[in-house]
Amino acid sequence: MKKEFISVGTIVNAHGIRGEVKLNPVGFDPEFLAEFDRFIIGGKETEVLHARVHKSVVLLTLPGVEDMDAALAFKGREVKIYRDDVELPEAYYFDAEIEGMRVIDCATDAEIGTVKRVLTYPAHKIY
């Protein structure tokens, strides 16, 4: 099922004194997220002025966030992307779109169960 928004991580802290915020991606490659020019942060659409990858996080420069105090106000906020901003190849889905789907055995057409959650580990995912 195609969703309107996909959760991609959380703002975990400020970075430096110039107002950058740290986006900790959950289940996404930081380089992938650094390409977006808008996010939904804390339920509000937010333009991205600049994004760069630093270690395993994405550092974002946002409008009106010019110092550490302003950046710290974003700490703990969930970050989402618009699903329509991403074109995935055919038969590829985001984890959030798979959760809740029925699992069918291709050989017997028997229903095995439902995907409850997708766990992301460094080596692989568990469904």
N, C-alpha and C. Protein backbone atom coordinates (compact mmCIF):
# COMPACT_ATOMS: atom_id res chain seq x y z
N MET A 1 0.84 -1.18 0.00
CA MET A 1 0.00 0.00 0.00
C MET A 1 0.88 1.24 0.00
N LYS A 2 0.69 2.12 -0.96
CA LYS A 2 1.50 3.33 -1.05
C LYS A 2 1.03 4.35 -0.02
N LYS A 3 1.95 4.79 0.81
CA LYS A 3 1.64 5.75 1.86
C LYS A 3 1.93 7.17 1.37
N GLU A 4 1.36 8.15 2.07
CA GLU A 4 1.61 9.55 1.70
C GLU A 4 2.97 10.01 2.22
N PHE A 5 3.33 9.57 3.43
CA PHE A 5 4.60 9.94 4.06
C PHE A 5 5.35 8.69 4.48
N ILE A 6 6.68 8.79 4.47
CA ILE A 6 7.54 7.70 4.94
C ILE A 6 8.45 8.27 6.02
N SER A 7 8.43 7.67 7.20
CA SER A 7 9.31 8.10 8.29
C SER A 7 10.74 7.68 7.97
N VAL A 8 11.69 8.62 8.08
CA VAL A 8 13.08 8.33 7.72
C VAL A 8 14.06 8.49 8.88
N GLY A 9 13.61 9.05 10.00
CA GLY A 9 14.52 9.22 11.12
C GLY A 9 14.06 10.29 12.09
N THR A 10 15.01 10.73 12.90
CA THR A 10 14.74 11.70 13.95
C THR A 10 15.87 12.72 14.03
N ILE A 11 15.51 13.95 14.36
CA ILE A 11 16.54 14.97 14.66
C ILE A 11 17.06 14.64 16.06
N VAL A 12 18.36 14.38 16.15
CA VAL A 12 18.93 13.94 17.43
C VAL A 12 19.71 15.02 18.17
N ASN A 13 20.10 16.08 17.47
CA ASN A 13 20.87 17.12 18.15
C ASN A 13 21.18 18.25 17.20
N ALA A 14 21.82 19.29 17.74
CA ALA A 14 22.39 20.36 16.93
C ALA A 14 23.81 19.95 16.57
N HIS A 15 24.33 20.57 15.51
CA HIS A 15 25.72 20.32 15.14
C HIS A 15 26.41 21.67 15.00
N GLY A 16 27.35 21.92 15.88
CA GLY A 16 28.08 23.19 15.84
C GLY A 16 27.24 24.35 16.33
N ILE A 17 27.71 25.56 16.03
CA ILE A 17 27.05 26.76 16.54
C ILE A 17 26.30 27.54 15.46
N ARG A 18 26.32 27.03 14.23
CA ARG A 18 25.69 27.77 13.12
C ARG A 18 24.28 27.31 12.78
N GLY A 19 23.69 26.44 13.60
CA GLY A 19 22.29 26.08 13.42
C GLY A 19 22.01 24.82 12.62
N GLU A 20 23.04 24.03 12.30
CA GLU A 20 22.76 22.78 11.61
C GLU A 20 22.11 21.79 12.59
N VAL A 21 21.22 20.95 12.06
CA VAL A 21 20.62 19.90 12.88
C VAL A 21 21.08 18.54 12.36
N LYS A 22 21.16 17.56 13.27
CA LYS A 22 21.59 16.20 12.92
C LYS A 22 20.36 15.32 12.72
N LEU A 23 20.22 14.80 11.52
CA LEU A 23 19.18 13.82 11.22
C LEU A 23 19.79 12.43 11.31
N ASN A 24 19.31 11.62 12.24
CA ASN A 24 19.77 10.25 12.38
C ASN A 24 18.83 9.36 11.55
N PRO A 25 19.30 8.85 10.40
CA PRO A 25 18.42 8.03 9.56
C PRO A 25 18.16 6.67 10.19
N VAL A 26 16.94 6.18 10.05
CA VAL A 26 16.59 4.86 10.53
C VAL A 26 16.15 4.03 9.33
N GLY A 27 17.03 3.11 8.92
CA GLY A 27 16.72 2.24 7.79
C GLY A 27 17.00 2.86 6.43
N PHE A 28 17.67 4.00 6.40
CA PHE A 28 17.96 4.68 5.14
C PHE A 28 19.43 5.08 5.09
N ASP A 29 19.96 5.10 3.89
CA ASP A 29 21.33 5.53 3.65
C ASP A 29 21.40 7.05 3.77
N PRO A 30 22.35 7.59 4.53
CA PRO A 30 22.44 9.05 4.67
C PRO A 30 22.58 9.77 3.33
N GLU A 31 23.32 9.19 2.39
CA GLU A 31 23.50 9.83 1.08
C GLU A 31 22.17 9.96 0.34
N PHE A 32 21.30 8.97 0.49
CA PHE A 32 19.97 9.00 -0.12
C PHE A 32 19.17 10.18 0.44
N LEU A 33 19.19 10.35 1.76
CA LEU A 33 18.40 11.42 2.38
C LEU A 33 18.97 12.80 2.12
N ALA A 34 20.26 12.90 1.91
CA ALA A 34 20.89 14.20 1.66
C ALA A 34 20.45 14.80 0.33
N GLU A 35 19.82 14.02 -0.53
CA GLU A 35 19.37 14.51 -1.83
C GLU A 35 18.02 15.23 -1.79
N PHE A 36 17.30 15.14 -0.69
CA PHE A 36 15.96 15.74 -0.61
C PHE A 36 16.04 17.24 -0.34
N ASP A 37 15.11 17.98 -0.94
CA ASP A 37 15.08 19.43 -0.70
C ASP A 37 13.93 19.85 0.21
N ARG A 38 13.15 18.87 0.70
CA ARG A 38 12.12 19.16 1.69
C ARG A 38 11.84 17.91 2.51
N PHE A 39 11.50 18.14 3.77
CA PHE A 39 11.13 17.09 4.71
C PHE A 39 9.90 17.55 5.47
N ILE A 40 9.24 16.62 6.12
CA ILE A 40 8.21 16.96 7.10
C ILE A 40 8.89 16.73 8.44
N ILE A 41 9.13 17.81 9.17
CA ILE A 41 9.82 17.72 10.45
C ILE A 41 8.85 18.12 11.55
N GLY A 42 8.57 17.18 12.44
CA GLY A 42 7.61 17.46 13.51
C GLY A 42 6.24 17.80 12.98
N GLY A 43 5.85 17.23 11.85
CA GLY A 43 4.53 17.46 11.27
C GLY A 43 4.41 18.67 10.37
N LYS A 44 5.51 19.40 10.18
CA LYS A 44 5.47 20.62 9.36
C LYS A 44 6.43 20.49 8.18
N GLU A 45 5.94 20.82 6.97
CA GLU A 45 6.82 20.77 5.81
C GLU A 45 7.92 21.81 5.98
N THR A 46 9.16 21.37 5.76
CA THR A 46 10.32 22.23 5.96
C THR A 46 11.25 22.13 4.77
N GLU A 47 11.62 23.27 4.22
CA GLU A 47 12.57 23.33 3.11
C GLU A 47 13.97 23.08 3.64
N VAL A 48 14.81 22.45 2.85
CA VAL A 48 16.20 22.22 3.21
C VAL A 48 17.07 23.17 2.38
N LEU A 49 17.83 24.02 3.06
CA LEU A 49 18.72 24.93 2.35
C LEU A 49 19.99 24.21 1.91
N HIS A 50 20.48 23.33 2.77
CA HIS A 50 21.71 22.58 2.46
C HIS A 50 21.70 21.29 3.28
N ALA A 51 22.20 20.21 2.68
CA ALA A 51 22.32 18.93 3.39
C ALA A 51 23.66 18.31 3.04
N ARG A 52 24.27 17.71 4.06
CA ARG A 52 25.53 17.01 3.83
C ARG A 52 25.63 15.84 4.79
N VAL A 53 26.38 14.84 4.37
CA VAL A 53 26.57 13.65 5.20
C VAL A 53 27.81 13.84 6.06
N HIS A 54 27.67 13.53 7.33
CA HIS A 54 28.79 13.57 8.28
C HIS A 54 28.74 12.29 9.10
N LYS A 55 29.72 11.42 8.87
CA LYS A 55 29.75 10.09 9.51
C LYS A 55 28.47 9.36 9.11
N SER A 56 27.62 9.00 10.05
CA SER A 56 26.41 8.25 9.71
C SER A 56 25.13 9.07 9.83
N VAL A 57 25.26 10.40 9.92
CA VAL A 57 24.10 11.27 10.02
C VAL A 57 24.05 12.24 8.86
N VAL A 58 22.91 12.90 8.71
CA VAL A 58 22.75 13.94 7.70
C VAL A 58 22.65 15.27 8.45
N LEU A 59 23.49 16.21 8.09
CA LEU A 59 23.45 17.54 8.69
C LEU A 59 22.61 18.44 7.77
N LEU A 60 21.59 19.06 8.35
CA LEU A 60 20.66 19.88 7.59
C LEU A 60 20.75 21.34 8.00
N THR A 61 20.75 22.22 7.02
CA THR A 61 20.61 23.65 7.26
C THR A 61 19.18 24.01 6.87
N LEU A 62 18.43 24.57 7.83
CA LEU A 62 17.03 24.88 7.62
C LEU A 62 16.79 26.38 7.69
N PRO A 63 15.77 26.89 7.00
CA PRO A 63 15.50 28.32 7.03
C PRO A 63 15.15 28.79 8.44
N GLY A 64 15.70 29.92 8.84
CA GLY A 64 15.41 30.50 10.14
C GLY A 64 16.12 29.86 11.30
N VAL A 65 16.91 28.84 11.05
CA VAL A 65 17.65 28.15 12.11
C VAL A 65 19.11 28.56 11.94
N GLU A 66 19.50 29.59 12.71
CA GLU A 66 20.81 30.19 12.48
C GLU A 66 21.79 30.05 13.63
N ASP A 67 21.34 29.44 14.74
CA ASP A 67 22.26 29.24 15.85
C ASP A 67 21.93 27.93 16.58
N MET A 68 22.77 27.58 17.53
CA MET A 68 22.62 26.31 18.23
C MET A 68 21.29 26.23 18.98
N ASP A 69 20.87 27.31 19.61
CA ASP A 69 19.61 27.28 20.36
C ASP A 69 18.42 26.98 19.46
N ALA A 70 18.39 27.60 18.29
CA ALA A 70 17.30 27.34 17.34
C ALA A 70 17.35 25.90 16.85
N ALA A 71 18.54 25.37 16.63
CA ALA A 71 18.69 23.99 16.18
C ALA A 71 18.25 23.00 17.27
N LEU A 72 18.57 23.30 18.52
CA LEU A 72 18.20 22.41 19.62
C LEU A 72 16.69 22.31 19.79
N ALA A 73 15.94 23.31 19.32
CA ALA A 73 14.48 23.26 19.39
C ALA A 73 13.90 22.14 18.54
N PHE A 74 14.67 21.65 17.56
CA PHE A 74 14.21 20.56 16.68
C PHE A 74 14.52 19.18 17.25
N LYS A 75 15.32 19.11 18.31
CA LYS A 75 15.76 17.83 18.87
C LYS A 75 14.56 16.97 19.25
N GLY A 76 14.60 15.70 18.81
CA GLY A 76 13.54 14.75 19.13
C GLY A 76 12.40 14.70 18.12
N ARG A 77 12.40 15.58 17.14
CA ARG A 77 11.31 15.59 16.16
C ARG A 77 11.49 14.52 15.10
N GLU A 78 10.38 13.88 14.76
CA GLU A 78 10.39 12.86 13.71
C GLU A 78 10.50 13.53 12.35
N VAL A 79 11.23 12.89 11.44
CA VAL A 79 11.43 13.40 10.09
C VAL A 79 10.82 12.42 9.10
N LYS A 80 10.03 12.96 8.16
CA LYS A 80 9.39 12.14 7.13
C LYS A 80 9.67 12.76 5.76
N ILE A 81 9.48 11.93 4.73
CA ILE A 81 9.55 12.41 3.35
C ILE A 81 8.20 12.16 2.71
N TYR A 82 7.92 12.91 1.65
CA TYR A 82 6.74 12.64 0.84
C TYR A 82 7.03 11.42 -0.02
N ARG A 83 6.13 10.46 -0.01
CA ARG A 83 6.32 9.24 -0.80
C ARG A 83 6.41 9.57 -2.29
N ASP A 84 5.67 10.56 -2.74
CA ASP A 84 5.67 10.93 -4.15
C ASP A 84 6.98 11.58 -4.60
N ASP A 85 7.84 11.97 -3.67
CA ASP A 85 9.14 12.54 -4.01
C ASP A 85 10.15 11.48 -4.44
N VAL A 86 9.78 10.20 -4.31
CA VAL A 86 10.70 9.10 -4.61
C VAL A 86 10.11 8.19 -5.67
N GLU A 87 10.89 7.90 -6.68
CA GLU A 87 10.50 6.95 -7.72
C GLU A 87 11.31 5.67 -7.51
N LEU A 88 10.65 4.63 -7.02
CA LEU A 88 11.32 3.34 -6.82
C LEU A 88 11.11 2.47 -8.05
N PRO A 89 12.07 1.58 -8.33
CA PRO A 89 11.88 0.63 -9.44
C PRO A 89 10.65 -0.25 -9.18
N GLU A 90 10.11 -0.82 -10.25
CA GLU A 90 8.95 -1.69 -10.12
C GLU A 90 9.28 -2.84 -9.16
N ALA A 91 8.29 -3.18 -8.32
CA ALA A 91 8.39 -4.27 -7.33
C ALA A 91 9.31 -3.93 -6.16
N TYR A 92 9.68 -2.67 -5.96
CA TYR A 92 10.43 -2.24 -4.79
C TYR A 92 9.51 -1.39 -3.93
N TYR A 93 9.66 -1.54 -2.61
CA TYR A 93 8.79 -0.84 -1.68
C TYR A 93 9.60 -0.37 -0.48
N PHE A 94 9.10 0.65 0.20
CA PHE A 94 9.67 1.06 1.47
C PHE A 94 9.18 0.08 2.54
N ASP A 95 9.97 -0.07 3.59
CA ASP A 95 9.60 -0.98 4.67
C ASP A 95 8.22 -0.64 5.23
N ALA A 96 7.91 0.63 5.39
CA ALA A 96 6.62 1.05 5.94
C ALA A 96 5.46 0.60 5.07
N GLU A 97 5.70 0.44 3.78
CA GLU A 97 4.64 0.00 2.87
C GLU A 97 4.43 -1.51 2.95
N ILE A 98 5.43 -2.24 3.40
CA ILE A 98 5.34 -3.70 3.50
C ILE A 98 4.65 -4.11 4.80
N GLU A 99 4.84 -3.34 5.85
CA GLU A 99 4.23 -3.66 7.14
C GLU A 99 2.72 -3.71 7.00
N GLY A 100 2.13 -4.78 7.50
CA GLY A 100 0.69 -4.96 7.42
C GLY A 100 0.24 -5.80 6.23
N MET A 101 1.14 -6.09 5.30
CA MET A 101 0.78 -6.90 4.13
C MET A 101 0.69 -8.37 4.48
N ARG A 102 -0.15 -9.09 3.75
CA ARG A 102 -0.26 -10.54 3.93
C ARG A 102 0.91 -11.22 3.24
N VAL A 103 1.37 -12.33 3.83
CA VAL A 103 2.45 -13.13 3.26
C VAL A 103 1.82 -14.42 2.73
N ILE A 104 2.04 -14.67 1.42
CA ILE A 104 1.44 -15.82 0.75
C ILE A 104 2.54 -16.75 0.25
N ASP A 105 2.36 -18.05 0.46
CA ASP A 105 3.28 -19.06 -0.09
C ASP A 105 2.98 -19.19 -1.58
N CYS A 106 3.97 -18.88 -2.41
CA CYS A 106 3.78 -18.89 -3.86
C CYS A 106 3.45 -20.28 -4.39
N ALA A 107 3.95 -21.33 -3.77
CA ALA A 107 3.74 -22.70 -4.26
C ALA A 107 2.32 -23.19 -3.96
N THR A 108 1.78 -22.81 -2.80
CA THR A 108 0.48 -23.36 -2.40
C THR A 108 -0.63 -22.32 -2.32
N ASP A 109 -0.30 -21.07 -2.47
CA ASP A 109 -1.25 -19.95 -2.30
C ASP A 109 -1.84 -19.88 -0.89
N ALA A 110 -1.21 -20.55 0.05
CA ALA A 110 -1.67 -20.50 1.44
C ALA A 110 -1.13 -19.24 2.11
N GLU A 111 -1.97 -18.64 2.93
CA GLU A 111 -1.53 -17.45 3.68
C GLU A 111 -0.69 -17.90 4.86
N ILE A 112 0.52 -17.32 4.95
CA ILE A 112 1.45 -17.67 6.03
C ILE A 112 1.24 -16.76 7.23
N GLY A 113 0.95 -15.51 6.97
CA GLY A 113 0.76 -14.55 8.05
C GLY A 113 0.78 -13.13 7.53
N THR A 114 1.13 -12.20 8.41
CA THR A 114 1.17 -10.77 8.09
C THR A 114 2.50 -10.20 8.54
N VAL A 115 3.06 -9.31 7.75
CA VAL A 115 4.31 -8.64 8.15
C VAL A 115 3.96 -7.64 9.24
N LYS A 116 4.48 -7.87 10.44
CA LYS A 116 4.19 -6.97 11.56
C LYS A 116 5.19 -5.83 11.66
N ARG A 117 6.46 -6.15 11.35
CA ARG A 117 7.51 -5.14 11.51
C ARG A 117 8.70 -5.53 10.66
N VAL A 118 9.47 -4.54 10.26
CA VAL A 118 10.72 -4.79 9.55
C VAL A 118 11.84 -4.28 10.44
N LEU A 119 12.74 -5.18 10.82
CA LEU A 119 13.88 -4.83 11.66
C LEU A 119 15.09 -4.66 10.77
N THR A 120 15.80 -3.54 10.93
CA THR A 120 16.96 -3.24 10.10
C THR A 120 18.24 -3.45 10.92
N TYR A 121 19.09 -4.34 10.41
CA TYR A 121 20.38 -4.61 11.02
C TYR A 121 21.47 -4.27 10.02
N PRO A 122 22.72 -4.11 10.44
CA PRO A 122 23.77 -3.74 9.49
C PRO A 122 23.92 -4.71 8.32
N ALA A 123 23.76 -5.98 8.55
CA ALA A 123 23.98 -6.97 7.49
C ALA A 123 22.73 -7.22 6.64
N HIS A 124 21.53 -7.09 7.23
CA HIS A 124 20.32 -7.43 6.50
C HIS A 124 19.08 -6.95 7.27
N LYS A 125 17.93 -7.17 6.67
CA LYS A 125 16.65 -6.87 7.31
C LYS A 125 15.96 -8.16 7.69
N ILE A 126 15.14 -8.09 8.76
CA ILE A 126 14.35 -9.23 9.18
C ILE A 126 12.89 -8.81 9.09
N TYR A 127 12.10 -9.65 8.41
CA TYR A 127 10.67 -9.37 8.22
C TYR A 127 9.86 -10.26 9.13
